[in-house]
Amino acid sequence: MTLPNAVAALITAQRLQRVPADLPSAQARLTRAEDKLAVARKIASIDVEIAYVTAYDATRIAVTAHMLSIGYRVRAVARAHEAVGTYAEAMISTPSAFEFQRMRRRRNKSEYDDVIVGQADLAADLSHAQAIIDAVRDTLGPAV
């Protein structure tokens, strides 16, 4: 498989590393992402900020499931979540993949800069999270 330049650059910079491809573990990880997104939807009316962080985590986990399915993982180095976003933009077949970096920044600002996430922000990004998870599910196939 020829990788897009953005992903090859992440590998060269040692932000992604090669691991054995593991479809069953990737599918299990994606199921975990789907479960987290369902939880985010359930708690949305109780705590928007926690729902947003949970939806973001679900999205990130889904992208890393895609990585694992083809034999890559993000390294635990600075800007790891940014690398996940770069990978998503290059490898996940949905326009919503281009929203990941913005979601990452919003989540970061809500946790570290006291920026308030509104109900409208959450609703829009729950849709993007679902689209990314659906795109990964389409790639990986049904859970076994």
Protein backbone atom coordinates (compact mmCIF):
# COMPACT_ATOMS: atom_id res chain seq x y z
CA MET A 1 0.00 0.00 0.00
CA THR A 2 1.35 3.39 -0.98
CA LEU A 3 0.76 5.85 1.82
CA PRO A 4 -0.14 9.50 1.28
CA ASN A 5 2.76 11.91 1.75
CA ALA A 6 1.33 13.26 5.00
CA VAL A 7 1.33 9.78 6.57
CA ALA A 8 4.78 8.96 5.20
CA ALA A 9 6.03 12.17 6.80
CA LEU A 10 4.60 11.11 10.17
CA ILE A 11 6.48 7.82 9.88
CA THR A 12 9.71 9.55 8.88
CA ALA A 13 9.35 11.92 11.85
CA GLN A 14 8.78 8.88 14.09
CA ARG A 15 5.33 10.06 15.13
CA LEU A 16 3.78 6.87 13.72
CA GLN A 17 5.35 3.47 13.94
CA ARG A 18 4.84 0.18 12.15
CA VAL A 19 3.16 -2.61 14.12
CA PRO A 20 1.61 -5.88 12.98
CA ALA A 21 -1.77 -5.24 11.36
CA ASP A 22 -4.46 -6.58 13.68
CA LEU A 23 -7.98 -6.46 12.27
CA PRO A 24 -9.69 -8.20 15.23
CA SER A 25 -8.12 -5.73 17.70
CA ALA A 26 -8.94 -2.83 15.38
CA GLN A 27 -12.57 -3.93 15.24
CA ALA A 28 -12.69 -4.24 19.03
CA ARG A 29 -11.19 -0.76 19.34
CA LEU A 30 -13.76 0.61 16.91
CA THR A 31 -16.56 -0.98 18.93
CA ARG A 32 -15.13 0.82 21.97
CA ALA A 33 -15.26 4.08 20.01
CA GLU A 34 -18.88 3.43 19.05
CA ASP A 35 -19.73 2.75 22.71
CA LYS A 36 -18.03 5.97 23.81
CA LEU A 37 -19.94 7.99 21.23
CA ALA A 38 -23.20 6.48 22.48
CA VAL A 39 -22.24 7.55 26.01
CA ALA A 40 -21.44 11.07 24.77
CA ARG A 41 -24.93 11.31 23.28
CA LYS A 42 -26.53 10.07 26.52
CA ILE A 43 -24.74 12.60 28.74
CA ALA A 44 -25.07 15.54 26.35
CA SER A 45 -28.03 16.97 28.22
CA ILE A 46 -26.29 16.54 31.58
CA ASP A 47 -22.78 17.88 30.91
CA VAL A 48 -21.87 19.30 27.51
CA GLU A 49 -18.15 19.54 28.25
CA ILE A 50 -17.78 15.91 29.35
CA ALA A 51 -19.92 14.81 26.40
CA TYR A 52 -17.63 16.76 24.05
CA VAL A 53 -14.44 15.25 25.46
CA THR A 54 -16.01 11.78 25.28
CA ALA A 55 -17.08 12.33 21.66
CA TYR A 56 -13.59 13.54 20.78
CA ASP A 57 -12.07 10.49 22.47
CA ALA A 58 -14.43 8.23 20.53
CA THR A 59 -13.31 9.85 17.30
CA ARG A 60 -9.62 9.55 18.15
CA ILE A 61 -10.05 5.89 19.12
CA ALA A 62 -11.82 5.20 15.81
CA VAL A 63 -8.95 6.72 13.84
CA THR A 64 -6.41 4.69 15.79
CA ALA A 65 -8.50 1.58 15.04
CA HIS A 66 -8.04 2.35 11.34
CA MET A 67 -4.30 2.73 11.92
CA LEU A 68 -4.09 -0.63 13.69
CA SER A 69 -6.03 -2.36 10.92
CA ILE A 70 -3.26 -1.52 8.45
CA GLY A 71 -0.34 -1.91 10.83
CA TYR A 72 0.40 1.50 12.36
CA ARG A 73 0.08 3.18 15.70
CA VAL A 74 0.71 6.66 16.94
CA ARG A 75 3.77 6.97 19.15
CA ALA A 76 3.40 8.38 22.66
CA VAL A 77 5.31 11.56 21.91
CA ALA A 78 4.44 15.24 21.97
CA ARG A 79 1.65 16.18 19.56
CA ALA A 80 0.43 12.58 19.28
CA HIS A 81 -3.21 13.66 18.93
CA GLU A 82 -2.20 16.07 16.19
CA ALA A 83 -0.60 13.14 14.35
CA VAL A 84 -3.90 11.25 14.65
CA GLY A 85 -5.63 14.20 12.97
CA THR A 86 -3.09 14.36 10.17
CA TYR A 87 -3.57 10.64 9.59
CA ALA A 88 -7.38 11.05 9.62
CA GLU A 89 -7.28 13.76 6.97
CA ALA A 90 -5.09 11.60 4.74
CA MET A 91 -6.67 8.18 5.27
CA ILE A 92 -10.31 8.39 6.41
CA SER A 93 -12.82 8.69 3.57
CA THR A 94 -15.21 11.34 4.82
CA PRO A 95 -15.17 15.14 4.71
CA SER A 96 -15.66 15.04 8.49
CA ALA A 97 -12.08 13.76 8.85
CA PHE A 98 -11.00 17.33 8.11
CA GLU A 99 -12.87 18.45 11.25
CA PHE A 100 -10.76 16.30 13.59
CA GLN A 101 -8.01 18.89 14.14
CA ARG A 102 -10.57 21.58 14.94
CA MET A 103 -12.30 19.21 17.36
CA ARG A 104 -8.92 18.44 18.94
CA ARG A 105 -8.17 22.14 19.40
CA ARG A 106 -11.64 22.82 20.85
CA ARG A 107 -11.27 19.92 23.29
CA ASN A 108 -7.84 21.19 24.28
CA LYS A 109 -9.11 24.74 24.84
CA SER A 110 -12.02 23.49 26.92
CA GLU A 111 -9.67 21.52 29.16
CA TYR A 112 -6.76 23.94 29.42
CA ASP A 113 -8.04 27.42 28.54
CA ASP A 114 -11.51 27.32 30.11
CA VAL A 115 -13.25 27.78 26.77
CA ILE A 116 -16.91 26.82 27.02
CA VAL A 117 -18.23 24.24 24.56
CA GLY A 118 -21.81 25.03 23.63
CA GLN A 119 -24.68 22.69 22.85
CA ALA A 120 -24.53 23.67 19.15
CA ASP A 121 -20.78 22.87 19.03
CA LEU A 122 -21.44 19.50 20.59
CA ALA A 123 -24.33 18.67 18.25
CA ALA A 124 -22.29 19.53 15.15
CA ASP A 125 -19.25 17.59 16.29
CA LEU A 126 -21.27 14.55 17.37
CA SER A 127 -22.28 14.38 13.70
CA HIS A 128 -18.65 14.63 12.55
CA ALA A 129 -17.63 11.98 15.08
CA GLN A 130 -20.35 9.66 13.81
CA ALA A 131 -19.30 10.21 10.19
CA ILE A 132 -15.67 9.37 11.00
CA ILE A 133 -16.65 6.27 12.97
CA ASP A 134 -18.96 5.18 10.13
CA ALA A 135 -16.19 5.66 7.57
CA VAL A 136 -13.81 3.56 9.65
CA ARG A 137 -16.50 0.89 10.12
CA ASP A 138 -17.02 0.83 6.34
CA THR A 139 -13.29 0.21 5.92
CA LEU A 140 -12.93 -2.41 8.65
CA GLY A 141 -16.19 -4.25 8.08
CA PRO A 142 -18.61 -5.48 10.70
CA ALA A 143 -17.38 -6.42 14.15
CA VAL A 144 -16.90 -10.13 14.58
